[in-house]
Amino acid sequence: MGDKLINIIFIVVDGLGTGIITLIGQNLGANLINRVEEIARKSLWVVFLITLLEAALVLFLRIPLFKLFIPGRPDIIAEGIHFLTIFTLGIPFFGLIGAIMALFRGSGHNVQPMIVDMVRLWGLRIPLAYFLGNQFGSTGIWWGMALSNIIAALVALFFYFQGGWKKQVIHEYKETIQPTPSPFTPEEG
């Protein structure tokens, strides 16, 4: 149940990210660098604040939502509430990651998003959840998941401040293939 509530937030992050990709791509293609920088700056704040608000809402409603959807299972309700109490701390940082990666994708850079996701999931989440889980049980697992988002947001910010996303990868089309003459001639008439 907890992951379902989190996935609703991730849908919003994905939707906002798609809008960011489009705005960055169009304005970078038009060589409007100042506008691209403004879109980036505003997008990061908007996505961070929206996901912060969503996280606060989920945190506030976690108890009644779990009781509504999982009645009669106090053990599952307690663990779900525990999960959301910890994991929601990392949600705004996941939103920030999504927004920054949208900037890169909008300008045609796909390596940085791949690196951030690999670091977040394979380099941080799995090891942190494993080691903290062995030390602190489920609490450690939930903290490992939240910390992976927070630390990966710092990695994403590192790439963001390097500014590589401001350089488009796709350049003006230059015809390199010569069209072959058609064996058919159009009829007049």
N, C-alpha and C. Protein backbone atom coordinates (compact mmCIF):
# COMPACT_ATOMS: atom_id res chain seq x y z
N MET A 1 0.81 -1.19 0.00
CA MET A 1 0.00 0.00 0.00
C MET A 1 0.86 1.26 0.00
N GLY A 2 1.93 1.24 0.79
CA GLY A 2 2.81 2.41 0.87
C GLY A 2 3.43 2.74 -0.47
N ASP A 3 3.85 1.70 -1.19
CA ASP A 3 4.46 1.95 -2.50
C ASP A 3 3.43 2.48 -3.50
N LYS A 4 2.17 2.12 -3.33
CA LYS A 4 1.12 2.64 -4.22
C LYS A 4 0.95 4.15 -4.02
N LEU A 5 0.97 4.59 -2.77
CA LEU A 5 0.88 6.02 -2.49
C LEU A 5 2.09 6.76 -3.06
N ILE A 6 3.26 6.17 -2.92
CA ILE A 6 4.48 6.78 -3.45
C ILE A 6 4.41 6.84 -4.97
N ASN A 7 3.89 5.78 -5.60
CA ASN A 7 3.80 5.76 -7.07
C ASN A 7 2.89 6.87 -7.61
N ILE A 8 1.88 7.26 -6.86
CA ILE A 8 1.03 8.37 -7.29
C ILE A 8 1.87 9.65 -7.37
N ILE A 9 2.74 9.84 -6.41
CA ILE A 9 3.63 11.00 -6.43
C ILE A 9 4.58 10.91 -7.62
N PHE A 10 5.08 9.72 -7.89
CA PHE A 10 6.02 9.55 -9.00
C PHE A 10 5.35 9.82 -10.34
N ILE A 11 4.04 9.58 -10.45
CA ILE A 11 3.32 9.91 -11.69
C ILE A 11 3.39 11.41 -11.94
N VAL A 12 3.23 12.18 -10.89
CA VAL A 12 3.31 13.64 -11.01
C VAL A 12 4.72 14.05 -11.44
N VAL A 13 5.74 13.45 -10.84
CA VAL A 13 7.13 13.75 -11.19
C VAL A 13 7.37 13.44 -12.67
N ASP A 14 6.89 12.29 -13.12
CA ASP A 14 7.06 11.91 -14.53
C ASP A 14 6.35 12.89 -15.46
N GLY A 15 5.14 13.28 -15.11
CA GLY A 15 4.39 14.24 -15.93
C GLY A 15 5.07 15.59 -16.01
N LEU A 16 5.52 16.08 -14.88
CA LEU A 16 6.24 17.36 -14.88
C LEU A 16 7.55 17.24 -15.65
N GLY A 17 8.21 16.10 -15.51
CA GLY A 17 9.46 15.87 -16.24
C GLY A 17 9.26 15.90 -17.74
N THR A 18 8.15 15.33 -18.21
CA THR A 18 7.85 15.36 -19.65
C THR A 18 7.66 16.78 -20.14
N GLY A 19 6.99 17.60 -19.34
CA GLY A 19 6.84 19.01 -19.70
C GLY A 19 8.17 19.73 -19.73
N ILE A 20 9.02 19.44 -18.78
CA ILE A 20 10.36 20.07 -18.73
C ILE A 20 11.17 19.66 -19.96
N ILE A 21 11.13 18.38 -20.30
CA ILE A 21 11.87 17.90 -21.48
C ILE A 21 11.44 18.69 -22.71
N THR A 22 10.15 18.86 -22.89
CA THR A 22 9.62 19.56 -24.06
C THR A 22 10.08 21.02 -24.06
N LEU A 23 9.92 21.70 -22.94
CA LEU A 23 10.30 23.12 -22.87
C LEU A 23 11.80 23.32 -23.10
N ILE A 24 12.61 22.47 -22.51
CA ILE A 24 14.06 22.59 -22.68
C ILE A 24 14.43 22.31 -24.13
N GLY A 25 13.89 21.24 -24.70
CA GLY A 25 14.21 20.89 -26.08
C GLY A 25 13.82 21.97 -27.07
N GLN A 26 12.62 22.50 -26.94
CA GLN A 26 12.17 23.54 -27.87
C GLN A 26 13.00 24.81 -27.74
N ASN A 27 13.24 25.25 -26.53
CA ASN A 27 13.96 26.50 -26.34
C ASN A 27 15.45 26.37 -26.62
N LEU A 28 16.01 25.21 -26.35
CA LEU A 28 17.41 24.99 -26.69
C LEU A 28 17.56 24.91 -28.21
N GLY A 29 16.61 24.26 -28.86
CA GLY A 29 16.61 24.20 -30.32
C GLY A 29 16.49 25.57 -30.96
N ALA A 30 15.78 26.48 -30.30
CA ALA A 30 15.65 27.85 -30.79
C ALA A 30 16.82 28.72 -30.33
N ASN A 31 17.76 28.10 -29.63
CA ASN A 31 18.97 28.78 -29.14
C ASN A 31 18.63 29.93 -28.17
N LEU A 32 17.61 29.73 -27.36
CA LEU A 32 17.20 30.72 -26.37
C LEU A 32 17.77 30.31 -24.99
N ILE A 33 19.07 30.45 -24.86
CA ILE A 33 19.78 29.95 -23.67
C ILE A 33 19.29 30.62 -22.38
N ASN A 34 19.05 31.92 -22.42
CA ASN A 34 18.56 32.60 -21.21
C ASN A 34 17.21 32.04 -20.77
N ARG A 35 16.36 31.76 -21.73
CA ARG A 35 15.05 31.18 -21.41
C ARG A 35 15.22 29.76 -20.88
N VAL A 36 16.14 29.01 -21.46
CA VAL A 36 16.40 27.64 -20.99
C VAL A 36 16.85 27.67 -19.53
N GLU A 37 17.74 28.59 -19.20
CA GLU A 37 18.21 28.69 -17.81
C GLU A 37 17.08 29.08 -16.86
N GLU A 38 16.21 29.98 -17.31
CA GLU A 38 15.07 30.39 -16.48
C GLU A 38 14.10 29.23 -16.28
N ILE A 39 13.81 28.50 -17.37
CA ILE A 39 12.92 27.33 -17.28
C ILE A 39 13.51 26.32 -16.32
N ALA A 40 14.81 26.08 -16.42
CA ALA A 40 15.47 25.11 -15.55
C ALA A 40 15.34 25.52 -14.09
N ARG A 41 15.69 26.74 -13.81
CA ARG A 41 15.65 27.24 -12.42
C ARG A 41 14.24 27.14 -11.84
N LYS A 42 13.27 27.60 -12.59
CA LYS A 42 11.88 27.57 -12.10
C LYS A 42 11.37 26.13 -11.99
N SER A 43 11.74 25.30 -12.95
CA SER A 43 11.28 23.91 -12.94
C SER A 43 11.79 23.17 -11.70
N LEU A 44 13.05 23.38 -11.38
CA LEU A 44 13.60 22.69 -10.21
C LEU A 44 12.85 23.08 -8.94
N TRP A 45 12.59 24.38 -8.79
CA TRP A 45 11.86 24.84 -7.61
C TRP A 45 10.43 24.32 -7.59
N VAL A 46 9.76 24.40 -8.72
CA VAL A 46 8.36 23.97 -8.78
C VAL A 46 8.24 22.48 -8.46
N VAL A 47 9.07 21.66 -9.09
CA VAL A 47 8.99 20.21 -8.86
C VAL A 47 9.34 19.89 -7.41
N PHE A 48 10.38 20.53 -6.89
CA PHE A 48 10.77 20.27 -5.49
C PHE A 48 9.63 20.64 -4.55
N LEU A 49 9.03 21.81 -4.75
CA LEU A 49 7.96 22.26 -3.86
C LEU A 49 6.70 21.41 -4.00
N ILE A 50 6.37 21.00 -5.23
CA ILE A 50 5.19 20.14 -5.41
C ILE A 50 5.40 18.80 -4.73
N THR A 51 6.57 18.21 -4.91
CA THR A 51 6.80 16.91 -4.27
C THR A 51 6.93 17.05 -2.76
N LEU A 52 7.41 18.19 -2.28
CA LEU A 52 7.44 18.45 -0.84
C LEU A 52 6.01 18.50 -0.29
N LEU A 53 5.14 19.19 -1.01
CA LEU A 53 3.74 19.27 -0.62
C LEU A 53 3.07 17.89 -0.66
N GLU A 54 3.33 17.15 -1.72
CA GLU A 54 2.76 15.79 -1.83
C GLU A 54 3.25 14.90 -0.69
N ALA A 55 4.54 14.99 -0.40
CA ALA A 55 5.10 14.18 0.69
C ALA A 55 4.45 14.54 2.02
N ALA A 56 4.25 15.84 2.26
CA ALA A 56 3.61 16.29 3.50
C ALA A 56 2.17 15.77 3.57
N LEU A 57 1.48 15.79 2.44
CA LEU A 57 0.10 15.31 2.39
C LEU A 57 0.04 13.80 2.68
N VAL A 58 0.92 13.03 2.06
CA VAL A 58 0.97 11.59 2.30
C VAL A 58 1.33 11.31 3.76
N LEU A 59 2.29 12.06 4.28
CA LEU A 59 2.69 11.88 5.67
C LEU A 59 1.52 12.18 6.61
N PHE A 60 0.78 13.23 6.32
CA PHE A 60 -0.36 13.62 7.14
C PHE A 60 -1.49 12.58 7.07
N LEU A 61 -1.72 12.02 5.88
CA LEU A 61 -2.85 11.09 5.67
C LEU A 61 -2.47 9.62 5.78
N ARG A 62 -1.23 9.32 6.11
CA ARG A 62 -0.77 7.93 6.07
C ARG A 62 -1.58 7.00 6.97
N ILE A 63 -1.94 7.43 8.15
CA ILE A 63 -2.66 6.56 9.08
C ILE A 63 -4.08 6.27 8.57
N PRO A 64 -4.89 7.29 8.25
CA PRO A 64 -6.23 6.95 7.77
C PRO A 64 -6.23 6.19 6.45
N LEU A 65 -5.27 6.48 5.57
CA LEU A 65 -5.23 5.76 4.29
C LEU A 65 -4.91 4.29 4.50
N PHE A 66 -3.96 3.98 5.35
CA PHE A 66 -3.64 2.58 5.60
C PHE A 66 -4.80 1.86 6.27
N LYS A 67 -5.45 2.52 7.20
CA LYS A 67 -6.59 1.90 7.88
C LYS A 67 -7.76 1.68 6.93
N LEU A 68 -7.92 2.58 5.95
CA LEU A 68 -9.00 2.45 4.98
C LEU A 68 -8.75 1.28 4.03
N PHE A 69 -7.53 1.17 3.51
CA PHE A 69 -7.26 0.17 2.47
C PHE A 69 -6.80 -1.18 3.01
N ILE A 70 -6.36 -1.24 4.24
CA ILE A 70 -5.93 -2.52 4.82
C ILE A 70 -6.57 -2.67 6.20
N PRO A 71 -7.87 -2.89 6.23
CA PRO A 71 -8.54 -3.02 7.53
C PRO A 71 -8.23 -4.36 8.19
N GLY A 72 -8.17 -4.34 9.49
CA GLY A 72 -8.02 -5.58 10.25
C GLY A 72 -6.62 -6.17 10.25
N ARG A 73 -5.64 -5.45 9.78
CA ARG A 73 -4.25 -5.95 9.80
C ARG A 73 -3.35 -4.93 10.48
N PRO A 74 -3.41 -4.84 11.80
CA PRO A 74 -2.63 -3.82 12.51
C PRO A 74 -1.12 -3.96 12.30
N ASP A 75 -0.63 -5.18 12.06
CA ASP A 75 0.80 -5.36 11.83
C ASP A 75 1.23 -4.71 10.51
N ILE A 76 0.44 -4.90 9.46
CA ILE A 76 0.75 -4.31 8.15
C ILE A 76 0.55 -2.80 8.20
N ILE A 77 -0.50 -2.37 8.86
CA ILE A 77 -0.76 -0.93 8.99
C ILE A 77 0.41 -0.26 9.70
N ALA A 78 0.87 -0.85 10.79
CA ALA A 78 1.98 -0.26 11.56
C ALA A 78 3.25 -0.17 10.73
N GLU A 79 3.56 -1.22 9.97
CA GLU A 79 4.79 -1.20 9.15
C GLU A 79 4.66 -0.23 7.99
N GLY A 80 3.48 -0.15 7.39
CA GLY A 80 3.25 0.80 6.30
C GLY A 80 3.38 2.23 6.77
N ILE A 81 2.83 2.51 7.93
CA ILE A 81 2.95 3.86 8.50
C ILE A 81 4.41 4.16 8.81
N HIS A 82 5.11 3.19 9.34
CA HIS A 82 6.54 3.34 9.64
C HIS A 82 7.32 3.63 8.35
N PHE A 83 7.03 2.86 7.29
CA PHE A 83 7.68 3.07 5.99
C PHE A 83 7.45 4.49 5.48
N LEU A 84 6.20 4.92 5.46
CA LEU A 84 5.90 6.25 4.92
C LEU A 84 6.49 7.37 5.78
N THR A 85 6.54 7.16 7.08
CA THR A 85 7.11 8.17 7.96
C THR A 85 8.57 8.45 7.60
N ILE A 86 9.30 7.42 7.25
CA ILE A 86 10.72 7.59 6.91
C ILE A 86 10.90 7.95 5.44
N PHE A 87 10.28 7.18 4.55
CA PHE A 87 10.55 7.32 3.12
C PHE A 87 10.09 8.65 2.54
N THR A 88 9.04 9.23 3.10
CA THR A 88 8.56 10.51 2.55
C THR A 88 9.60 11.62 2.68
N LEU A 89 10.57 11.47 3.56
CA LEU A 89 11.64 12.47 3.69
C LEU A 89 12.47 12.58 2.40
N GLY A 90 12.58 11.49 1.67
CA GLY A 90 13.38 11.49 0.44
C GLY A 90 12.60 11.84 -0.82
N ILE A 91 11.28 11.96 -0.72
CA ILE A 91 10.46 12.20 -1.90
C ILE A 91 10.76 13.52 -2.59
N PRO A 92 10.88 14.64 -1.89
CA PRO A 92 11.20 15.88 -2.59
C PRO A 92 12.55 15.80 -3.33
N PHE A 93 13.46 15.04 -2.81
CA PHE A 93 14.75 14.88 -3.46
C PHE A 93 14.63 14.01 -4.72
N PHE A 94 13.71 13.04 -4.68
CA PHE A 94 13.43 12.28 -5.89
C PHE A 94 12.83 13.19 -6.96
N GLY A 95 11.96 14.10 -6.53
CA GLY A 95 11.40 15.07 -7.47
C GLY A 95 12.48 15.94 -8.09
N LEU A 96 13.43 16.35 -7.27
CA LEU A 96 14.55 17.15 -7.76
C LEU A 96 15.38 16.35 -8.77
N ILE A 97 15.62 15.09 -8.48
CA ILE A 97 16.35 14.22 -9.41
C ILE A 97 15.59 14.16 -10.74
N GLY A 98 14.28 13.93 -10.67
CA GLY A 98 13.47 13.84 -11.88
C GLY A 98 13.53 15.10 -12.72
N ALA A 99 13.48 16.25 -12.06
CA ALA A 99 13.54 17.52 -12.78
C ALA A 99 14.90 17.74 -13.43
N ILE A 100 15.95 17.45 -12.71
CA ILE A 100 17.30 17.63 -13.26
C ILE A 100 17.53 16.67 -14.42
N MET A 101 17.10 15.44 -14.28
CA MET A 101 17.28 14.48 -15.36
C MET A 101 16.45 14.86 -16.58
N ALA A 102 15.30 15.50 -16.38
CA ALA A 102 14.50 15.99 -17.50
C ALA A 102 15.25 17.08 -18.26
N LEU A 103 16.00 17.92 -17.54
CA LEU A 103 16.81 18.95 -18.20
C LEU A 103 17.81 18.29 -19.15
N PHE A 104 18.46 17.26 -18.67
CA PHE A 104 19.45 16.57 -19.50
C PHE A 104 18.78 15.88 -20.69
N ARG A 105 17.68 15.21 -20.43
CA ARG A 105 17.00 14.52 -21.54
C ARG A 105 16.47 15.50 -22.57
N GLY A 106 15.99 16.64 -22.13
CA GLY A 106 15.48 17.65 -23.04
C GLY A 106 16.54 18.22 -23.96
N SER A 107 17.79 18.19 -23.50
CA SER A 107 18.88 18.69 -24.34
C SER A 107 19.59 17.56 -25.08
N GLY A 108 19.08 16.34 -24.93
CA GLY A 108 19.64 15.21 -25.66
C GLY A 108 20.72 14.44 -24.93
N HIS A 109 20.99 14.78 -23.67
CA HIS A 109 22.00 14.08 -22.88
C HIS A 109 21.33 12.95 -22.09
N ASN A 110 21.74 11.74 -22.35
CA ASN A 110 21.14 10.60 -21.66
C ASN A 110 22.10 9.86 -20.74
N VAL A 111 23.37 10.17 -20.83
CA VAL A 111 24.36 9.48 -20.00
C VAL A 111 24.22 9.89 -18.53
N GLN A 112 24.07 11.18 -18.27
CA GLN A 112 23.96 11.64 -16.88
C GLN A 112 22.75 11.05 -16.17
N PRO A 113 21.56 11.03 -16.80
CA PRO A 113 20.42 10.38 -16.12
C PRO A 113 20.68 8.90 -15.83
N MET A 114 21.36 8.22 -16.75
CA MET A 114 21.67 6.81 -16.53
C MET A 114 22.61 6.66 -15.34
N ILE A 115 23.62 7.52 -15.26
CA ILE A 115 24.58 7.45 -14.15
C ILE A 115 23.88 7.71 -12.82
N VAL A 116 23.05 8.75 -12.78
CA VAL A 116 22.36 9.09 -11.53
C VAL A 116 21.45 7.94 -11.10
N ASP A 117 20.70 7.35 -12.04
CA ASP A 117 19.83 6.24 -11.67
C ASP A 117 20.61 5.00 -11.23
N MET A 118 21.72 4.74 -11.88
CA MET A 118 22.54 3.59 -11.46
C MET A 118 23.13 3.83 -10.07
N VAL A 119 23.61 5.04 -9.83
CA VAL A 119 24.14 5.37 -8.51
C VAL A 119 23.03 5.27 -7.46
N ARG A 120 21.87 5.84 -7.78
CA ARG A 120 20.76 5.87 -6.82
C ARG A 120 20.29 4.47 -6.44
N LEU A 121 20.09 3.63 -7.46
CA LEU A 121 19.52 2.31 -7.18
C LEU A 121 20.56 1.25 -6.85
N TRP A 122 21.57 1.13 -7.69
CA TRP A 122 22.55 0.05 -7.52
C TRP A 122 23.70 0.44 -6.59
N GLY A 123 24.14 1.69 -6.68
CA GLY A 123 25.27 2.11 -5.86
C GLY A 123 24.90 2.52 -4.45
N LEU A 124 23.66 2.98 -4.28
CA LEU A 124 23.24 3.47 -2.96
C LEU A 124 22.09 2.66 -2.35
N ARG A 125 20.97 2.56 -3.05
CA ARG A 125 19.78 1.97 -2.43
C ARG A 125 19.99 0.53 -1.99
N ILE A 126 20.49 -0.30 -2.87
CA ILE A 126 20.64 -1.71 -2.50
C ILE A 126 21.67 -1.88 -1.38
N PRO A 127 22.87 -1.30 -1.50
CA PRO A 127 23.82 -1.47 -0.39
C PRO A 127 23.35 -0.84 0.93
N LEU A 128 22.78 0.37 0.85
CA LEU A 128 22.31 1.02 2.09
C LEU A 128 21.17 0.22 2.73
N ALA A 129 20.21 -0.20 1.93
CA ALA A 129 19.09 -0.98 2.47
C ALA A 129 19.59 -2.29 3.06
N TYR A 130 20.55 -2.91 2.41
CA TYR A 130 21.09 -4.18 2.91
C TYR A 130 21.82 -3.99 4.23
N PHE A 131 22.77 -3.06 4.23
CA PHE A 131 23.59 -2.88 5.44
C PHE A 131 22.79 -2.29 6.59
N LEU A 132 22.00 -1.27 6.31
CA LEU A 132 21.19 -0.67 7.37
C LEU A 132 20.08 -1.64 7.82
N GLY A 133 19.55 -2.41 6.87
CA GLY A 133 18.54 -3.41 7.22
C GLY A 133 19.09 -4.47 8.15
N ASN A 134 20.33 -4.89 7.91
CA ASN A 134 20.95 -5.88 8.80
C ASN A 134 21.21 -5.32 10.19
N GLN A 135 21.42 -4.01 10.28
CA GLN A 135 21.70 -3.38 11.57
C GLN A 135 20.42 -2.99 12.32
N PHE A 136 19.42 -2.50 11.59
CA PHE A 136 18.25 -1.90 12.23
C PHE A 136 16.92 -2.48 11.76
N GLY A 137 16.94 -3.58 11.03
CA GLY A 137 15.71 -4.21 10.57
C GLY A 137 15.03 -3.37 9.49
N SER A 138 13.70 -3.39 9.49
CA SER A 138 12.97 -2.67 8.45
C SER A 138 13.22 -1.17 8.51
N THR A 139 13.47 -0.64 9.68
CA THR A 139 13.80 0.79 9.80
C THR A 139 15.02 1.13 8.95
N GLY A 140 16.02 0.30 8.99
CA GLY A 140 17.22 0.50 8.19
C GLY A 140 16.96 0.42 6.70
N ILE A 141 16.09 -0.48 6.30
CA ILE A 141 15.74 -0.60 4.88
C ILE A 141 15.07 0.70 4.41
N TRP A 142 14.10 1.19 5.19
CA TRP A 142 13.40 2.41 4.79
C TRP A 142 14.34 3.61 4.76
N TRP A 143 15.26 3.68 5.73
CA TRP A 143 16.24 4.77 5.72
C TRP A 143 17.19 4.65 4.54
N GLY A 144 17.57 3.43 4.19
CA GLY A 144 18.42 3.22 3.02
C GLY A 144 17.76 3.72 1.75
N MET A 145 16.47 3.47 1.63
CA MET A 145 15.73 3.92 0.45
C MET A 145 15.65 5.45 0.42
N ALA A 146 15.33 6.06 1.55
CA ALA A 146 15.22 7.52 1.60
C ALA A 146 16.58 8.18 1.35
N LEU A 147 17.61 7.66 1.98
CA LEU A 147 18.95 8.23 1.82
C LEU A 147 19.46 8.11 0.39
N SER A 148 19.07 7.04 -0.30
CA SER A 148 19.51 6.89 -1.69
C SER A 148 18.98 8.03 -2.55
N ASN A 149 17.76 8.49 -2.28
CA ASN A 149 17.20 9.61 -3.03
C ASN A 149 17.90 10.92 -2.66
N ILE A 150 18.18 11.10 -1.39
CA ILE A 150 18.82 12.35 -0.94
C ILE A 150 20.24 12.46 -1.50
N ILE A 151 21.01 11.39 -1.40
CA ILE A 151 22.41 11.42 -1.88
C ILE A 151 22.44 11.52 -3.40
N ALA A 152 21.56 10.79 -4.08
CA ALA A 152 21.52 10.85 -5.55
C ALA A 152 21.13 12.25 -6.03
N ALA A 153 20.31 12.96 -5.25
CA ALA A 153 19.96 14.34 -5.61
C ALA A 153 21.22 15.22 -5.60
N LEU A 154 22.12 14.94 -4.68
CA LEU A 154 23.39 15.69 -4.65
C LEU A 154 24.23 15.38 -5.88
N VAL A 155 24.23 14.12 -6.32
CA VAL A 155 24.95 13.75 -7.55
C VAL A 155 24.31 14.46 -8.74
N ALA A 156 22.99 14.47 -8.80
CA ALA A 156 22.28 15.14 -9.90
C ALA A 156 22.58 16.64 -9.89
N LEU A 157 22.62 17.25 -8.71
CA LEU A 157 22.95 18.67 -8.61
C LEU A 157 24.38 18.94 -9.09
N PHE A 158 25.28 18.02 -8.82
CA PHE A 158 26.65 18.15 -9.32
C PHE A 158 26.65 18.24 -10.84
N PHE A 159 25.93 17.35 -11.50
CA PHE A 159 25.84 17.39 -12.97
C PHE A 159 25.14 18.67 -13.44
N TYR A 160 24.10 19.08 -12.72
CA TYR A 160 23.36 20.28 -13.08
C TYR A 160 24.28 21.51 -13.07
N PHE A 161 25.04 21.68 -12.01
CA PHE A 161 25.88 22.86 -11.89
C PHE A 161 27.07 22.84 -12.85
N GLN A 162 27.39 21.69 -13.39
CA GLN A 162 28.43 21.65 -14.43
C GLN A 162 27.93 22.31 -15.72
N GLY A 163 26.62 22.33 -15.93
CA GLY A 163 26.02 23.06 -17.04
C GLY A 163 26.03 22.35 -18.39
N GLY A 164 26.40 21.09 -18.44
CA GLY A 164 26.42 20.37 -19.71
C GLY A 164 25.05 20.27 -20.36
N TRP A 165 24.00 20.34 -19.57
CA TRP A 165 22.64 20.24 -20.10
C TRP A 165 22.27 21.44 -20.96
N LYS A 166 23.04 22.53 -20.88
CA LYS A 166 22.74 23.72 -21.68
C LYS A 166 23.22 23.59 -23.12
N LYS A 167 23.97 22.54 -23.39
CA LYS A 167 24.49 22.33 -24.74
C LYS A 167 23.68 21.24 -25.42
N GLN A 168 23.07 21.60 -26.53
CA GLN A 168 22.26 20.61 -27.22
C GLN A 168 23.14 19.55 -27.89
N VAL A 169 22.62 18.37 -27.94
CA VAL A 169 23.33 17.26 -28.58
C VAL A 169 22.95 17.19 -30.05
N ILE A 170 21.70 17.44 -30.33
CA ILE A 170 21.21 17.37 -31.71
C ILE A 170 21.45 18.72 -32.35
N HIS A 171 22.14 18.69 -33.45
CA HIS A 171 22.47 19.93 -34.15
C HIS A 171 21.65 20.04 -35.42
N GLU A 172 21.81 21.14 -36.09
CA GLU A 172 21.05 21.38 -37.32
C GLU A 172 21.30 20.25 -38.31
N TYR A 173 20.23 19.83 -38.94
CA TYR A 173 20.29 18.73 -39.89
C TYR A 173 21.07 19.16 -41.13
N LYS A 174 22.01 18.31 -41.50
CA LYS A 174 22.75 18.53 -42.75
C LYS A 174 22.53 17.29 -43.60
N GLU A 175 22.09 17.52 -44.80
CA GLU A 175 21.80 16.39 -45.67
C GLU A 175 23.10 15.71 -46.07
N THR A 176 23.23 14.46 -45.70
CA THR A 176 24.43 13.71 -46.03
C THR A 176 24.15 12.61 -47.05
N ILE A 177 22.91 12.26 -47.18
CA ILE A 177 22.55 11.21 -48.14
C ILE A 177 21.89 11.89 -49.33
N GLN A 178 22.41 11.62 -50.47
CA GLN A 178 21.85 12.19 -51.69
C GLN A 178 20.65 11.36 -52.12
N PRO A 179 19.56 12.03 -52.43
CA PRO A 179 18.39 11.27 -52.88
C PRO A 179 18.67 10.60 -54.22
N THR A 180 18.17 9.40 -54.35
CA THR A 180 18.34 8.70 -55.63
C THR A 180 17.20 9.11 -56.55
N PRO A 181 17.51 9.26 -57.82
CA PRO A 181 16.45 9.63 -58.75
C PRO A 181 15.42 8.51 -58.85
N SER A 182 14.19 8.89 -58.93
CA SER A 182 13.10 7.93 -59.02
C SER A 182 13.01 7.41 -60.45
N PRO A 183 12.79 6.11 -60.63
CA PRO A 183 12.64 5.57 -61.98
C PRO A 183 11.28 5.95 -62.58
N PHE A 184 10.42 6.51 -61.74
CA PHE A 184 9.09 6.88 -62.22
C PHE A 184 9.04 8.38 -62.46
N THR A 185 8.43 8.75 -63.53
CA THR A 185 8.24 10.17 -63.79
C THR A 185 6.76 10.47 -63.64
N PRO A 186 6.45 11.56 -62.96
CA PRO A 186 5.03 11.87 -62.76
C PRO A 186 4.36 12.21 -64.10
N GLU A 187 3.13 11.78 -64.17
CA GLU A 187 2.36 12.10 -65.37
C GLU A 187 1.80 13.48 -65.27
N GLU A 188 1.79 14.14 -66.37
CA GLU A 188 1.17 15.45 -66.38
C GLU A 188 -0.26 15.29 -66.83
N GLY A 189 -1.09 16.15 -66.35
CA GLY A 189 -2.42 16.07 -66.89
C GLY A 189 -3.43 16.33 -65.95
